[in-house]
Amino acid sequence: MELLEQRIQKDGAVKAGNVLKVDSFLNHQIDIGLLNEIGKEFKRLFADTNITKILTIEASGIAIAAIVAQYFNVPVVFAKKTQSINLDGSVYTTKIHSFTHQRDYDVIVSKKYISPEDHILVIDDFLANGCAVEGLIDMIQSAGATLEGVGIIIEKGFQDGGKRLRKKGIRVESLAIVDAMDDVTGKITFRH
């Protein structure tokens, strides 16, 4: 998505350790106009599917998934990273490793929000090693629901998450795939 790539070039910042900061427009301060264009693009890419729910993980994925969901006219379910007294009944749980935070999380979703009848689109801001997405897919499979695909805003193509998911036959649509980043020069190269 050219608009997204231009924005990453303009406002993204490359940090040591293969970190791409896009917090000025995507996951701290959010450019709603850009997210609306992203939502339209995911609707176009997944127009051939019958999505009944969008699944994401807190926290960065929630705003993105909510904007995307309005184009599919479906609810958003988000996996929580902490148990809450408000979460009653049985839950699906899985363990994920966060590349960004360098820690493991137990994430949970109430069983009442994902059922075998659901056709689910996973939405997330980044795909690096694929741990978060694999955890969400594990929950979908545990529920007996159907995974229709994975929508990613920025994929780090030089890390193996996207390759591994696609090798398993999972449909992954990434709006911008970063092939290389240089934290010294700030240069970002995209795959087309």
N, C-alpha and C. Protein backbone atom coordinates (compact mmCIF):
# COMPACT_ATOMS: atom_id res chain seq x y z
N MET A 1 0.86 -1.17 0.00
CA MET A 1 0.00 0.00 0.00
C MET A 1 0.90 1.24 0.00
N GLU A 2 0.90 1.93 -1.10
CA GLU A 2 1.83 3.03 -1.30
C GLU A 2 1.69 4.15 -0.25
N LEU A 3 0.45 4.48 0.08
CA LEU A 3 0.20 5.52 1.08
C LEU A 3 0.87 5.17 2.42
N LEU A 4 0.75 3.93 2.82
CA LEU A 4 1.35 3.46 4.06
C LEU A 4 2.88 3.49 3.98
N GLU A 5 3.43 3.01 2.89
CA GLU A 5 4.89 3.03 2.73
C GLU A 5 5.43 4.46 2.79
N GLN A 6 4.74 5.39 2.15
CA GLN A 6 5.17 6.78 2.19
C GLN A 6 5.16 7.32 3.62
N ARG A 7 4.14 6.96 4.36
CA ARG A 7 4.03 7.43 5.74
C ARG A 7 5.13 6.83 6.62
N ILE A 8 5.42 5.56 6.40
CA ILE A 8 6.51 4.91 7.15
C ILE A 8 7.83 5.60 6.85
N GLN A 9 8.08 5.90 5.57
CA GLN A 9 9.32 6.59 5.17
C GLN A 9 9.40 7.97 5.81
N LYS A 10 8.27 8.68 5.83
CA LYS A 10 8.25 10.05 6.33
C LYS A 10 8.35 10.12 7.85
N ASP A 11 7.55 9.31 8.55
CA ASP A 11 7.41 9.46 10.00
C ASP A 11 7.91 8.28 10.82
N GLY A 12 8.29 7.19 10.17
CA GLY A 12 8.82 6.04 10.90
C GLY A 12 10.27 6.29 11.31
N ALA A 13 10.70 5.60 12.35
CA ALA A 13 12.09 5.73 12.81
C ALA A 13 12.65 4.34 13.06
N VAL A 14 13.83 4.08 12.51
CA VAL A 14 14.49 2.80 12.70
C VAL A 14 15.41 2.89 13.90
N LYS A 15 15.24 1.95 14.81
CA LYS A 15 16.05 1.89 16.03
C LYS A 15 16.87 0.61 16.02
N ALA A 16 17.91 0.58 16.84
CA ALA A 16 18.76 -0.60 16.95
C ALA A 16 17.91 -1.81 17.34
N GLY A 17 18.34 -2.98 16.88
CA GLY A 17 17.63 -4.22 17.22
C GLY A 17 16.45 -4.50 16.31
N ASN A 18 16.47 -3.97 15.10
CA ASN A 18 15.38 -4.17 14.12
C ASN A 18 14.03 -3.66 14.61
N VAL A 19 14.05 -2.53 15.30
CA VAL A 19 12.82 -1.92 15.79
C VAL A 19 12.43 -0.78 14.84
N LEU A 20 11.17 -0.82 14.39
CA LEU A 20 10.63 0.25 13.56
C LEU A 20 9.56 0.96 14.37
N LYS A 21 9.83 2.21 14.72
CA LYS A 21 8.88 3.00 15.52
C LYS A 21 7.93 3.74 14.58
N VAL A 22 6.65 3.45 14.77
CA VAL A 22 5.61 4.12 14.00
C VAL A 22 4.56 4.68 14.96
N ASP A 23 5.03 5.02 16.14
CA ASP A 23 4.11 5.44 17.20
C ASP A 23 3.51 6.82 16.97
N SER A 24 4.04 7.59 16.03
CA SER A 24 3.47 8.92 15.78
C SER A 24 2.21 8.86 14.93
N PHE A 25 1.93 7.68 14.32
CA PHE A 25 0.73 7.59 13.48
C PHE A 25 -0.01 6.26 13.55
N LEU A 26 0.57 5.24 14.20
CA LEU A 26 -0.08 3.93 14.14
C LEU A 26 -0.38 3.30 15.50
N ASN A 27 0.55 3.36 16.44
CA ASN A 27 0.29 2.59 17.65
C ASN A 27 0.56 3.32 18.97
N HIS A 28 0.56 4.62 18.94
CA HIS A 28 0.54 5.42 20.17
C HIS A 28 -0.37 6.62 19.91
N GLN A 29 0.05 7.43 18.96
CA GLN A 29 -0.85 8.43 18.38
C GLN A 29 -1.34 7.81 17.08
N ILE A 30 -2.65 7.91 16.83
CA ILE A 30 -3.22 7.19 15.70
C ILE A 30 -3.81 8.16 14.69
N ASP A 31 -3.39 8.00 13.43
CA ASP A 31 -3.93 8.78 12.32
C ASP A 31 -5.17 8.05 11.80
N ILE A 32 -6.34 8.53 12.17
CA ILE A 32 -7.59 7.86 11.84
C ILE A 32 -7.84 7.86 10.32
N GLY A 33 -7.45 8.92 9.65
CA GLY A 33 -7.60 8.96 8.20
C GLY A 33 -6.82 7.83 7.54
N LEU A 34 -5.59 7.63 7.98
CA LEU A 34 -4.76 6.54 7.45
C LEU A 34 -5.39 5.19 7.80
N LEU A 35 -5.87 5.04 9.04
CA LEU A 35 -6.50 3.77 9.43
C LEU A 35 -7.75 3.50 8.61
N ASN A 36 -8.50 4.53 8.25
CA ASN A 36 -9.65 4.32 7.39
C ASN A 36 -9.23 3.76 6.03
N GLU A 37 -8.15 4.27 5.47
CA GLU A 37 -7.64 3.75 4.20
C GLU A 37 -7.17 2.30 4.37
N ILE A 38 -6.55 2.00 5.49
CA ILE A 38 -6.12 0.63 5.79
C ILE A 38 -7.33 -0.29 5.89
N GLY A 39 -8.38 0.17 6.56
CA GLY A 39 -9.62 -0.62 6.67
C GLY A 39 -10.22 -0.92 5.31
N LYS A 40 -10.27 0.07 4.45
CA LYS A 40 -10.79 -0.12 3.08
C LYS A 40 -9.95 -1.14 2.32
N GLU A 41 -8.62 -1.07 2.50
CA GLU A 41 -7.74 -1.98 1.78
C GLU A 41 -7.92 -3.42 2.25
N PHE A 42 -8.04 -3.62 3.56
CA PHE A 42 -8.29 -4.98 4.05
C PHE A 42 -9.64 -5.50 3.57
N LYS A 43 -10.65 -4.64 3.51
CA LYS A 43 -11.95 -5.07 2.98
C LYS A 43 -11.82 -5.49 1.53
N ARG A 44 -11.04 -4.75 0.75
CA ARG A 44 -10.82 -5.11 -0.65
C ARG A 44 -10.09 -6.45 -0.76
N LEU A 45 -9.04 -6.62 0.06
CA LEU A 45 -8.22 -7.84 -0.02
C LEU A 45 -8.99 -9.08 0.42
N PHE A 46 -9.88 -8.92 1.38
CA PHE A 46 -10.62 -10.07 1.91
C PHE A 46 -12.10 -10.05 1.49
N ALA A 47 -12.40 -9.39 0.38
CA ALA A 47 -13.78 -9.29 -0.10
C ALA A 47 -14.37 -10.65 -0.45
N ASP A 48 -13.53 -11.62 -0.75
CA ASP A 48 -14.01 -12.95 -1.15
C ASP A 48 -14.27 -13.87 0.05
N THR A 49 -14.19 -13.34 1.26
CA THR A 49 -14.38 -14.17 2.46
C THR A 49 -15.66 -13.77 3.18
N ASN A 50 -16.09 -14.65 4.06
CA ASN A 50 -17.29 -14.40 4.86
C ASN A 50 -16.86 -14.18 6.30
N ILE A 51 -16.34 -13.02 6.61
CA ILE A 51 -15.84 -12.70 7.94
C ILE A 51 -17.02 -12.45 8.89
N THR A 52 -16.99 -13.12 10.06
CA THR A 52 -18.02 -12.86 11.07
C THR A 52 -17.43 -12.15 12.29
N LYS A 53 -16.12 -12.25 12.47
CA LYS A 53 -15.45 -11.56 13.58
C LYS A 53 -14.02 -11.24 13.21
N ILE A 54 -13.53 -10.18 13.85
CA ILE A 54 -12.11 -9.84 13.72
C ILE A 54 -11.49 -10.08 15.08
N LEU A 55 -10.33 -10.74 15.07
CA LEU A 55 -9.61 -11.06 16.30
C LEU A 55 -8.27 -10.36 16.27
N THR A 56 -7.92 -9.74 17.40
CA THR A 56 -6.63 -9.08 17.54
C THR A 56 -6.15 -9.29 18.97
N ILE A 57 -5.05 -8.64 19.29
CA ILE A 57 -4.48 -8.73 20.63
C ILE A 57 -4.28 -7.33 21.17
N GLU A 58 -4.49 -7.17 22.48
CA GLU A 58 -4.27 -5.84 23.05
C GLU A 58 -2.78 -5.53 23.05
N ALA A 59 -2.37 -4.31 23.01
CA ALA A 59 -3.18 -3.12 23.02
C ALA A 59 -3.19 -2.48 21.63
N SER A 60 -2.07 -2.52 20.92
CA SER A 60 -1.97 -1.80 19.64
C SER A 60 -2.98 -2.27 18.60
N GLY A 61 -3.34 -3.53 18.64
CA GLY A 61 -4.23 -4.06 17.62
C GLY A 61 -5.67 -3.61 17.74
N ILE A 62 -6.09 -3.15 18.92
CA ILE A 62 -7.51 -2.88 19.14
C ILE A 62 -8.03 -1.74 18.26
N ALA A 63 -7.37 -0.62 18.25
CA ALA A 63 -7.84 0.51 17.45
C ALA A 63 -7.84 0.17 15.97
N ILE A 64 -6.80 -0.52 15.54
CA ILE A 64 -6.70 -0.90 14.13
C ILE A 64 -7.84 -1.84 13.76
N ALA A 65 -8.04 -2.87 14.58
CA ALA A 65 -9.09 -3.85 14.31
C ALA A 65 -10.47 -3.20 14.32
N ALA A 66 -10.70 -2.24 15.20
CA ALA A 66 -12.00 -1.57 15.28
C ALA A 66 -12.29 -0.81 13.99
N ILE A 67 -11.30 -0.13 13.46
CA ILE A 67 -11.51 0.60 12.20
C ILE A 67 -11.75 -0.38 11.06
N VAL A 68 -10.97 -1.46 11.01
CA VAL A 68 -11.15 -2.47 9.95
C VAL A 68 -12.54 -3.09 10.07
N ALA A 69 -12.99 -3.39 11.28
CA ALA A 69 -14.26 -4.07 11.51
C ALA A 69 -15.45 -3.28 10.97
N GLN A 70 -15.34 -1.96 10.98
CA GLN A 70 -16.48 -1.17 10.47
C GLN A 70 -16.72 -1.43 8.99
N TYR A 71 -15.68 -1.81 8.24
CA TYR A 71 -15.84 -2.10 6.81
C TYR A 71 -16.42 -3.48 6.57
N PHE A 72 -16.29 -4.37 7.53
CA PHE A 72 -16.88 -5.71 7.45
C PHE A 72 -18.21 -5.79 8.20
N ASN A 73 -18.50 -4.75 8.98
CA ASN A 73 -19.71 -4.70 9.81
C ASN A 73 -19.80 -5.91 10.74
N VAL A 74 -18.70 -6.18 11.43
CA VAL A 74 -18.62 -7.31 12.37
C VAL A 74 -17.97 -6.84 13.67
N PRO A 75 -18.15 -7.59 14.75
CA PRO A 75 -17.51 -7.22 16.01
C PRO A 75 -16.02 -7.54 16.03
N VAL A 76 -15.34 -6.88 16.95
CA VAL A 76 -13.93 -7.15 17.23
C VAL A 76 -13.85 -7.88 18.56
N VAL A 77 -13.04 -8.95 18.57
CA VAL A 77 -12.71 -9.64 19.81
C VAL A 77 -11.21 -9.44 20.01
N PHE A 78 -10.81 -9.07 21.22
CA PHE A 78 -9.38 -8.94 21.43
C PHE A 78 -8.92 -9.82 22.57
N ALA A 79 -7.77 -10.44 22.34
CA ALA A 79 -7.15 -11.28 23.35
C ALA A 79 -6.54 -10.38 24.41
N LYS A 80 -6.84 -10.70 25.66
CA LYS A 80 -6.33 -9.91 26.79
C LYS A 80 -5.04 -10.54 27.31
N LYS A 81 -4.13 -9.66 27.73
CA LYS A 81 -2.85 -10.14 28.26
C LYS A 81 -2.88 -10.36 29.76
N THR A 82 -3.98 -10.01 30.40
CA THR A 82 -4.08 -10.21 31.85
C THR A 82 -5.45 -10.73 32.20
N GLN A 83 -5.50 -11.56 33.21
CA GLN A 83 -6.78 -12.05 33.72
C GLN A 83 -7.49 -10.89 34.42
N SER A 84 -8.80 -10.88 34.35
CA SER A 84 -9.58 -9.79 34.93
C SER A 84 -10.76 -10.39 35.69
N ILE A 85 -11.17 -9.73 36.76
CA ILE A 85 -12.34 -10.21 37.48
C ILE A 85 -13.61 -10.03 36.64
N ASN A 86 -13.53 -9.18 35.62
CA ASN A 86 -14.67 -8.98 34.73
C ASN A 86 -14.83 -10.12 33.73
N LEU A 87 -13.81 -10.96 33.59
CA LEU A 87 -13.83 -12.05 32.62
C LEU A 87 -14.37 -13.29 33.31
N ASP A 88 -15.66 -13.55 33.10
CA ASP A 88 -16.28 -14.70 33.78
C ASP A 88 -16.41 -15.88 32.82
N GLY A 89 -16.49 -17.07 33.37
CA GLY A 89 -16.66 -18.26 32.56
C GLY A 89 -15.34 -18.79 32.05
N SER A 90 -15.45 -19.75 31.15
CA SER A 90 -14.24 -20.40 30.64
C SER A 90 -13.62 -19.58 29.51
N VAL A 91 -12.33 -19.78 29.33
CA VAL A 91 -11.56 -18.99 28.37
C VAL A 91 -10.67 -19.89 27.52
N TYR A 92 -10.34 -19.37 26.34
CA TYR A 92 -9.26 -19.95 25.54
C TYR A 92 -8.01 -19.23 25.98
N THR A 93 -6.92 -19.96 26.14
CA THR A 93 -5.67 -19.32 26.55
C THR A 93 -4.52 -19.86 25.73
N THR A 94 -3.54 -19.02 25.51
CA THR A 94 -2.33 -19.42 24.80
C THR A 94 -1.20 -18.54 25.26
N LYS A 95 0.00 -18.98 25.04
CA LYS A 95 1.19 -18.22 25.43
C LYS A 95 1.81 -17.63 24.16
N ILE A 96 2.15 -16.35 24.23
CA ILE A 96 2.83 -15.71 23.10
C ILE A 96 4.08 -14.99 23.60
N HIS A 97 5.02 -14.83 22.67
CA HIS A 97 6.23 -14.07 22.98
C HIS A 97 6.18 -12.76 22.21
N SER A 98 6.36 -11.65 22.90
CA SER A 98 6.36 -10.34 22.26
C SER A 98 7.79 -9.95 21.89
N PHE A 99 8.00 -9.76 20.58
CA PHE A 99 9.31 -9.31 20.10
C PHE A 99 9.60 -7.91 20.63
N THR A 100 8.57 -7.05 20.61
CA THR A 100 8.74 -5.66 21.03
C THR A 100 9.10 -5.55 22.50
N HIS A 101 8.40 -6.31 23.34
CA HIS A 101 8.60 -6.20 24.79
C HIS A 101 9.55 -7.25 25.35
N GLN A 102 9.98 -8.18 24.49
CA GLN A 102 10.91 -9.23 24.91
C GLN A 102 10.45 -9.96 26.17
N ARG A 103 9.17 -10.38 26.12
CA ARG A 103 8.65 -11.16 27.24
C ARG A 103 7.51 -12.05 26.75
N ASP A 104 7.18 -13.04 27.57
CA ASP A 104 6.07 -13.94 27.26
C ASP A 104 4.81 -13.45 27.96
N TYR A 105 3.69 -13.66 27.30
CA TYR A 105 2.38 -13.31 27.86
C TYR A 105 1.46 -14.53 27.74
N ASP A 106 0.63 -14.73 28.75
CA ASP A 106 -0.51 -15.63 28.62
C ASP A 106 -1.66 -14.76 28.17
N VAL A 107 -2.23 -15.06 27.02
CA VAL A 107 -3.35 -14.27 26.52
C VAL A 107 -4.62 -15.10 26.56
N ILE A 108 -5.73 -14.41 26.79
CA ILE A 108 -7.00 -15.11 26.98
C ILE A 108 -8.13 -14.44 26.21
N VAL A 109 -9.08 -15.26 25.79
CA VAL A 109 -10.32 -14.80 25.17
C VAL A 109 -11.44 -15.64 25.77
N SER A 110 -12.51 -14.99 26.17
CA SER A 110 -13.67 -15.70 26.70
C SER A 110 -14.26 -16.61 25.62
N LYS A 111 -14.59 -17.83 26.01
CA LYS A 111 -15.16 -18.79 25.07
C LYS A 111 -16.50 -18.34 24.50
N LYS A 112 -17.18 -17.42 25.19
CA LYS A 112 -18.48 -16.98 24.67
C LYS A 112 -18.36 -16.05 23.45
N TYR A 113 -17.13 -15.61 23.13
CA TYR A 113 -16.98 -14.69 22.01
C TYR A 113 -16.39 -15.31 20.74
N ILE A 114 -15.97 -16.57 20.81
CA ILE A 114 -15.51 -17.27 19.60
C ILE A 114 -16.18 -18.64 19.59
N SER A 115 -16.86 -18.95 18.49
CA SER A 115 -17.57 -20.23 18.40
C SER A 115 -17.20 -20.95 17.10
N PRO A 116 -17.56 -22.22 16.99
CA PRO A 116 -17.25 -22.97 15.77
C PRO A 116 -17.89 -22.38 14.51
N GLU A 117 -18.94 -21.58 14.67
CA GLU A 117 -19.60 -20.97 13.51
C GLU A 117 -18.85 -19.76 12.97
N ASP A 118 -17.89 -19.24 13.73
CA ASP A 118 -17.22 -18.01 13.33
C ASP A 118 -16.20 -18.21 12.22
N HIS A 119 -16.13 -17.20 11.36
CA HIS A 119 -15.12 -17.09 10.31
C HIS A 119 -14.31 -15.85 10.66
N ILE A 120 -13.06 -16.06 11.02
CA ILE A 120 -12.29 -15.01 11.69
C ILE A 120 -11.15 -14.48 10.83
N LEU A 121 -11.03 -13.15 10.85
CA LEU A 121 -9.90 -12.45 10.25
C LEU A 121 -9.06 -11.92 11.40
N VAL A 122 -7.80 -12.32 11.44
CA VAL A 122 -6.86 -11.82 12.44
C VAL A 122 -6.25 -10.53 11.90
N ILE A 123 -6.23 -9.50 12.73
CA ILE A 123 -5.64 -8.21 12.35
C ILE A 123 -4.59 -7.84 13.40
N ASP A 124 -3.41 -7.39 12.94
CA ASP A 124 -2.40 -6.90 13.87
C ASP A 124 -1.55 -5.84 13.19
N ASP A 125 -0.86 -5.04 14.01
CA ASP A 125 -0.06 -3.96 13.45
C ASP A 125 1.24 -4.46 12.83
N PHE A 126 1.94 -5.36 13.52
CA PHE A 126 3.23 -5.86 13.04
C PHE A 126 3.25 -7.37 12.95
N LEU A 127 4.03 -7.88 12.01
CA LEU A 127 4.36 -9.30 11.94
C LEU A 127 5.87 -9.39 11.83
N ALA A 128 6.50 -9.96 12.84
CA ALA A 128 7.95 -10.15 12.84
C ALA A 128 8.23 -11.66 12.88
N ASN A 129 8.25 -12.20 14.08
CA ASN A 129 8.49 -13.63 14.23
C ASN A 129 7.21 -14.45 14.17
N GLY A 130 6.08 -13.80 14.26
CA GLY A 130 4.79 -14.47 14.10
C GLY A 130 4.21 -15.08 15.35
N CYS A 131 4.84 -14.87 16.49
CA CYS A 131 4.37 -15.51 17.73
C CYS A 131 2.97 -15.07 18.13
N ALA A 132 2.67 -13.79 18.05
CA ALA A 132 1.35 -13.31 18.44
C ALA A 132 0.28 -13.89 17.52
N VAL A 133 0.52 -13.85 16.22
CA VAL A 133 -0.45 -14.38 15.27
C VAL A 133 -0.64 -15.88 15.48
N GLU A 134 0.44 -16.61 15.69
CA GLU A 134 0.32 -18.05 15.92
C GLU A 134 -0.49 -18.34 17.19
N GLY A 135 -0.33 -17.51 18.21
CA GLY A 135 -1.12 -17.67 19.43
C GLY A 135 -2.59 -17.45 19.16
N LEU A 136 -2.93 -16.42 18.38
CA LEU A 136 -4.33 -16.15 18.04
C LEU A 136 -4.91 -17.28 17.19
N ILE A 137 -4.12 -17.79 16.27
CA ILE A 137 -4.58 -18.92 15.44
C ILE A 137 -4.83 -20.15 16.31
N ASP A 138 -3.98 -20.36 17.30
CA ASP A 138 -4.16 -21.47 18.24
C ASP A 138 -5.52 -21.35 18.93
N MET A 139 -5.89 -20.14 19.34
CA MET A 139 -7.20 -19.93 19.97
C MET A 139 -8.35 -20.22 19.00
N ILE A 140 -8.21 -19.77 17.77
CA ILE A 140 -9.24 -20.00 16.75
C ILE A 140 -9.43 -21.50 16.54
N GLN A 141 -8.32 -22.22 16.43
CA GLN A 141 -8.40 -23.67 16.24
C GLN A 141 -9.00 -24.35 17.46
N SER A 142 -8.65 -23.90 18.66
CA SER A 142 -9.22 -24.46 19.89
C SER A 142 -10.73 -24.29 19.93
N ALA A 143 -11.21 -23.19 19.37
CA ALA A 143 -12.65 -22.91 19.35
C ALA A 143 -13.37 -23.67 18.23
N GLY A 144 -12.61 -24.25 17.31
CA GLY A 144 -13.23 -24.91 16.17
C GLY A 144 -13.74 -23.93 15.13
N ALA A 145 -13.31 -22.67 15.24
CA ALA A 145 -13.71 -21.64 14.28
C ALA A 145 -12.85 -21.74 13.02
N THR A 146 -13.21 -20.98 12.00
CA THR A 146 -12.50 -20.98 10.73
C THR A 146 -11.64 -19.73 10.62
N LEU A 147 -10.36 -19.92 10.36
CA LEU A 147 -9.46 -18.79 10.09
C LEU A 147 -9.57 -18.45 8.61
N GLU A 148 -10.03 -17.24 8.31
CA GLU A 148 -10.15 -16.80 6.92
C GLU A 148 -8.87 -16.16 6.42
N GLY A 149 -8.07 -15.62 7.33
CA GLY A 149 -6.83 -15.00 6.92
C GLY A 149 -6.27 -14.10 8.00
N VAL A 150 -5.11 -13.55 7.69
CA VAL A 150 -4.39 -12.67 8.61
C VAL A 150 -4.08 -11.38 7.87
N GLY A 151 -4.50 -10.26 8.44
CA GLY A 151 -4.21 -8.94 7.87
C GLY A 151 -3.19 -8.23 8.74
N ILE A 152 -2.08 -7.86 8.14
CA ILE A 152 -0.97 -7.22 8.86
C ILE A 152 -0.70 -5.86 8.24
N ILE A 153 -0.51 -4.87 9.07
CA ILE A 153 -0.20 -3.55 8.52
C ILE A 153 1.26 -3.51 8.05
N ILE A 154 2.20 -3.87 8.94
CA ILE A 154 3.62 -3.85 8.56
C ILE A 154 4.24 -5.20 8.88
N GLU A 155 4.76 -5.85 7.86
CA GLU A 155 5.47 -7.11 8.03
C GLU A 155 6.97 -6.87 7.90
N LYS A 156 7.72 -7.41 8.82
CA LYS A 156 9.18 -7.38 8.71
C LYS A 156 9.58 -8.60 7.90
N GLY A 157 9.71 -8.41 6.60
CA GLY A 157 9.97 -9.50 5.67
C GLY A 157 11.31 -10.19 5.87
N PHE A 158 12.21 -9.54 6.57
CA PHE A 158 13.53 -10.12 6.83
C PHE A 158 13.50 -11.03 8.06
N GLN A 159 12.37 -11.09 8.76
CA GLN A 159 12.18 -12.04 9.85
C GLN A 159 11.25 -13.14 9.34
N ASP A 160 11.22 -14.27 10.02
CA ASP A 160 10.61 -15.46 9.41
C ASP A 160 9.13 -15.68 9.69
N GLY A 161 8.45 -14.79 10.41
CA GLY A 161 7.05 -15.01 10.76
C GLY A 161 6.14 -15.17 9.56
N GLY A 162 6.19 -14.24 8.62
CA GLY A 162 5.33 -14.30 7.44
C GLY A 162 5.62 -15.53 6.59
N LYS A 163 6.87 -15.82 6.40
CA LYS A 163 7.28 -16.98 5.60
C LYS A 163 6.75 -18.27 6.24
N ARG A 164 6.89 -18.37 7.55
CA ARG A 164 6.45 -19.57 8.27
C ARG A 164 4.94 -19.75 8.18
N LEU A 165 4.18 -18.66 8.37
CA LEU A 165 2.72 -18.74 8.29
C LEU A 165 2.27 -19.12 6.88
N ARG A 166 2.85 -18.51 5.87
CA ARG A 166 2.48 -18.81 4.49
C ARG A 166 2.83 -20.25 4.13
N LYS A 167 3.93 -20.74 4.66
CA LYS A 167 4.34 -22.13 4.40
C LYS A 167 3.32 -23.12 4.96
N LYS A 168 2.61 -22.72 6.03
CA LYS A 168 1.55 -23.55 6.62
C LYS A 168 0.24 -23.43 5.84
N GLY A 169 0.22 -22.62 4.78
CA GLY A 169 -0.98 -22.45 3.97
C GLY A 169 -1.92 -21.37 4.48
N ILE A 170 -1.45 -20.55 5.40
CA ILE A 170 -2.27 -19.48 5.95
C ILE A 170 -2.21 -18.26 5.03
N ARG A 171 -3.36 -17.72 4.74
CA ARG A 171 -3.42 -16.52 3.89
C ARG A 171 -3.01 -15.32 4.72
N VAL A 172 -1.90 -14.70 4.35
CA VAL A 172 -1.39 -13.51 5.03
C VAL A 172 -1.35 -12.37 4.02
N GLU A 173 -2.03 -11.29 4.35
CA GLU A 173 -2.03 -10.09 3.51
C GLU A 173 -1.39 -8.97 4.32
N SER A 174 -0.20 -8.55 3.90
CA SER A 174 0.52 -7.46 4.58
C SER A 174 0.49 -6.23 3.69
N LEU A 175 0.16 -5.08 4.28
CA LEU A 175 0.02 -3.86 3.49
C LEU A 175 1.36 -3.22 3.16
N ALA A 176 2.37 -3.45 4.00
CA ALA A 176 3.73 -2.98 3.72
C ALA A 176 4.68 -4.06 4.23
N ILE A 177 5.56 -4.51 3.36
CA ILE A 177 6.56 -5.51 3.76
C ILE A 177 7.92 -4.85 3.71
N VAL A 178 8.55 -4.74 4.88
CA VAL A 178 9.87 -4.14 4.99
C VAL A 178 10.90 -5.23 4.72
N ASP A 179 11.73 -5.02 3.70
CA ASP A 179 12.78 -5.98 3.37
C ASP A 179 14.04 -5.74 4.18
N ALA A 180 14.34 -4.46 4.45
CA ALA A 180 15.55 -4.13 5.19
C ALA A 180 15.38 -2.77 5.86
N MET A 181 16.07 -2.64 7.00
CA MET A 181 16.09 -1.36 7.74
C MET A 181 17.50 -1.14 8.23
N ASP A 182 17.93 0.10 8.23
CA ASP A 182 19.26 0.44 8.72
C ASP A 182 19.13 1.50 9.80
N ASP A 183 19.50 1.12 11.03
CA ASP A 183 19.33 2.06 12.15
C ASP A 183 20.36 3.18 12.14
N VAL A 184 21.41 3.06 11.34
CA VAL A 184 22.40 4.11 11.24
C VAL A 184 21.94 5.20 10.25
N THR A 185 21.50 4.76 9.06
CA THR A 185 21.09 5.71 8.03
C THR A 185 19.59 6.02 8.11
N GLY A 186 18.82 5.15 8.76
CA GLY A 186 17.37 5.31 8.81
C GLY A 186 16.67 4.83 7.57
N LYS A 187 17.43 4.24 6.64
CA LYS A 187 16.86 3.78 5.38
C LYS A 187 15.98 2.55 5.58
N ILE A 188 14.82 2.57 4.91
CA ILE A 188 13.87 1.47 4.93
C ILE A 188 13.61 1.05 3.50
N THR A 189 13.74 -0.24 3.21
CA THR A 189 13.51 -0.79 1.88
C THR A 189 12.29 -1.68 1.94
N PHE A 190 11.39 -1.51 0.97
CA PHE A 190 10.14 -2.29 0.92
C PHE A 190 10.19 -3.33 -0.18
N ARG A 191 9.49 -4.43 0.03
CA ARG A 191 9.31 -5.47 -0.98
C ARG A 191 8.05 -5.16 -1.77
N HIS A 192 8.16 -5.28 -3.09
CA HIS A 192 6.97 -5.06 -3.95
C HIS A 192 6.69 -6.27 -4.80
